[in-house]
Amino acid sequence: MLANTRILAWFVVLPVLALVPAFAGPRPRDVAPAAAVPPAVVSIVAAAHDALSPIYFAAGTTQIRPSDTKILDGHAVWLRRDRMQRLLIEGHTDGFEDSAFSRQVGEQRAQSAKTYLVSRGVPADHIAIWSRGGAWPACSEKTATCRATNRRATFSTGVQP
């Protein structure tokens, strides 16, 4: 029985992973419900699910944009479905320096995302936040488009043992 589960895992997981770009990770809606596939497959897919889509913020604000609520709703569904997952939310700013103000804004952005996910049923103790401030820019050009790319909250997951 265990050998059949492992074989099934490779036939299910490999095609899924081959279709998903390595930098993006599968979206929450791409992960099958736990009841639909064997536990071995679920754990392999969950381990591959290490990068959830980021959300972005308007300049000078820590409020979640209405267009990003759909992304967070998808994250919430996936996290409620897989209760073993733990989430790290990292807040980023568009500044290229790592000042105390920049770190504070990054923390407030991460907290906004956490508050939203908790309001959608994700346990608060499953979410940690961290501020990166302007220390880890996604784009280093000095353009408005690039700065908008840097105002974000990023998500990464891990399975609690």
Protein backbone atom coordinates (compact mmCIF):
# COMPACT_ATOMS: atom_id res chain seq x y z
CA MET A 1 0.00 0.00 0.00
CA LEU A 2 2.79 2.43 0.91
CA ALA A 3 4.61 1.73 -2.37
CA ASN A 4 1.42 2.51 -4.31
CA THR A 5 1.05 5.80 -2.43
CA ARG A 6 4.63 6.81 -3.28
CA ILE A 7 4.14 5.98 -6.95
CA LEU A 8 0.89 7.91 -6.99
CA ALA A 9 2.62 10.83 -5.29
CA TRP A 10 5.17 11.12 -8.08
CA PHE A 11 2.55 10.87 -10.81
CA VAL A 12 0.44 13.57 -9.19
CA VAL A 13 3.11 15.95 -7.90
CA LEU A 14 5.65 15.98 -10.72
CA PRO A 15 3.21 17.13 -13.42
CA VAL A 16 1.87 19.83 -11.07
CA LEU A 17 5.36 21.09 -10.20
CA ALA A 18 6.41 21.04 -13.86
CA LEU A 19 3.55 23.39 -14.78
CA VAL A 20 4.29 25.93 -12.06
CA PRO A 21 7.17 28.39 -12.46
CA ALA A 22 9.83 27.75 -9.82
CA PHE A 23 9.81 31.34 -8.60
CA ALA A 24 6.07 31.56 -8.03
CA GLY A 25 5.09 28.35 -6.26
CA PRO A 26 1.60 26.98 -6.68
CA ARG A 27 -1.27 29.32 -5.94
CA PRO A 28 -3.60 28.33 -3.06
CA ARG A 29 -6.34 27.30 -5.48
CA ASP A 30 -3.93 24.83 -7.17
CA VAL A 31 -3.51 22.73 -4.04
CA ALA A 32 -5.98 19.86 -3.89
CA PRO A 33 -8.02 19.37 -0.70
CA ALA A 34 -6.46 16.94 1.74
CA ALA A 35 -9.36 14.48 1.42
CA ALA A 36 -8.94 14.18 -2.36
CA VAL A 37 -5.38 12.80 -2.36
CA PRO A 38 -3.29 10.54 -0.11
CA PRO A 39 -1.49 12.22 2.84
CA ALA A 40 1.93 11.63 1.27
CA VAL A 41 0.91 13.70 -1.76
CA VAL A 42 -0.51 16.47 0.41
CA SER A 43 2.72 16.80 2.38
CA ILE A 44 4.84 16.90 -0.79
CA VAL A 45 2.60 19.54 -2.38
CA ALA A 46 2.57 21.54 0.88
CA ALA A 47 6.36 21.46 1.04
CA ALA A 48 6.52 22.78 -2.52
CA HIS A 49 4.13 25.59 -1.60
CA ASP A 50 6.77 27.93 -0.23
CA ALA A 51 5.94 31.18 -1.98
CA LEU A 52 2.46 32.66 -1.88
CA SER A 53 1.64 35.66 -4.04
CA PRO A 54 2.63 39.01 -2.52
CA ILE A 55 0.27 41.91 -1.99
CA TYR A 56 1.13 45.54 -2.72
CA PHE A 57 0.43 48.83 -0.97
CA ALA A 58 -0.15 52.38 -2.14
CA ALA A 59 2.54 54.92 -1.29
CA GLY A 60 2.46 56.12 2.30
CA THR A 61 -0.21 53.66 3.45
CA THR A 62 -0.47 50.37 5.28
CA GLN A 63 -4.06 49.65 4.22
CA ILE A 64 -4.80 46.63 2.07
CA ARG A 65 -6.04 47.52 -1.39
CA PRO A 66 -9.42 46.07 -2.43
CA SER A 67 -7.75 44.32 -5.37
CA ASP A 68 -5.46 42.42 -2.97
CA THR A 69 -8.25 41.08 -0.78
CA LYS A 70 -8.86 38.29 -3.33
CA ILE A 71 -5.24 37.19 -3.00
CA LEU A 72 -5.47 37.18 0.79
CA ASP A 73 -8.80 35.32 0.66
CA GLY A 74 -7.10 32.60 -1.38
CA HIS A 75 -4.24 32.43 1.12
CA ALA A 76 -6.76 32.14 3.97
CA VAL A 77 -8.63 29.27 2.30
CA TRP A 78 -5.41 27.35 1.77
CA LEU A 79 -4.13 28.00 5.30
CA ARG A 80 -7.45 26.98 6.90
CA ARG A 81 -7.43 23.79 4.85
CA ASP A 82 -3.89 22.81 5.89
CA ARG A 83 -3.73 23.46 9.65
CA MET A 84 -0.10 22.29 9.88
CA GLN A 85 1.15 25.29 7.91
CA ARG A 86 2.78 28.25 9.61
CA LEU A 87 3.03 31.56 7.78
CA LEU A 88 5.68 34.26 7.83
CA ILE A 89 4.59 37.66 6.52
CA GLU A 90 7.40 40.07 5.65
CA GLY A 91 6.62 43.76 5.22
CA HIS A 92 8.67 45.80 2.74
CA THR A 93 8.87 49.50 1.86
CA ASP A 94 9.90 51.42 -1.22
CA GLY A 95 12.82 53.12 0.48
CA PHE A 96 16.28 51.83 -0.37
CA GLU A 97 17.62 52.43 3.12
CA ASP A 98 17.01 50.48 6.28
CA SER A 99 15.85 53.24 8.61
CA ALA A 100 13.78 52.85 11.78
CA PHE A 101 10.82 54.53 10.03
CA SER A 102 11.08 52.15 7.08
CA ARG A 103 11.15 49.13 9.41
CA GLN A 104 8.10 50.48 11.27
CA VAL A 105 6.11 50.89 8.05
CA GLY A 106 7.14 47.39 6.94
CA GLU A 107 5.94 45.96 10.24
CA GLN A 108 2.61 47.79 9.95
CA ARG A 109 2.10 46.40 6.44
CA ALA A 110 2.81 42.85 7.63
CA GLN A 111 0.45 43.40 10.57
CA SER A 112 -2.31 44.61 8.21
CA ALA A 113 -2.02 41.39 6.21
CA LYS A 114 -2.01 39.29 9.39
CA THR A 115 -5.08 41.08 10.76
CA TYR A 116 -6.93 40.43 7.51
CA LEU A 117 -6.03 36.72 7.47
CA VAL A 118 -7.03 36.31 11.12
CA SER A 119 -10.38 37.96 10.32
CA ARG A 120 -10.83 35.23 7.68
CA GLY A 121 -10.32 32.39 10.16
CA VAL A 122 -6.58 31.73 10.08
CA PRO A 123 -5.32 31.17 13.66
CA ALA A 124 -3.23 34.14 14.84
CA ASP A 125 -0.66 31.86 16.43
CA HIS A 126 0.05 30.32 13.00
CA ILE A 127 1.27 33.68 11.64
CA ALA A 128 4.51 35.50 12.40
CA ILE A 129 5.40 38.92 11.03
CA TRP A 130 8.74 40.50 10.23
CA SER A 131 9.73 43.85 8.80
CA ARG A 132 12.37 44.03 6.11
CA GLY A 133 11.91 47.79 5.70
CA GLY A 134 13.70 48.88 2.55
CA ALA A 135 16.59 46.44 2.99
CA TRP A 136 15.37 43.83 0.49
CA PRO A 137 14.04 45.67 -2.57
CA ALA A 138 12.45 43.62 -5.33
CA CYS A 139 13.57 46.26 -7.81
CA SER A 140 16.51 48.66 -7.50
CA GLU A 141 15.66 51.26 -10.16
CA LYS A 142 14.62 54.73 -9.04
CA THR A 143 11.37 54.75 -11.06
CA ALA A 144 7.79 55.03 -9.78
CA THR A 145 6.94 51.57 -11.13
CA CYS A 146 9.91 50.03 -9.38
CA ARG A 147 9.12 51.76 -6.09
CA ALA A 148 5.53 50.47 -6.30
CA THR A 149 6.90 46.93 -6.70
CA ASN A 150 8.86 47.33 -3.47
CA ARG A 151 5.83 48.38 -1.36
CA ARG A 152 4.67 44.88 -0.56
CA ALA A 153 4.05 42.11 1.92
CA THR A 154 5.51 38.72 1.03
CA PHE A 155 4.44 35.33 2.37
CA SER A 156 6.33 32.13 3.02
CA THR A 157 5.18 28.94 4.70
CA GLY A 158 6.56 26.04 6.61
CA VAL A 159 5.05 22.93 8.10
CA GLN A 160 5.16 22.63 11.87
CA PRO A 161 6.59 19.27 12.95
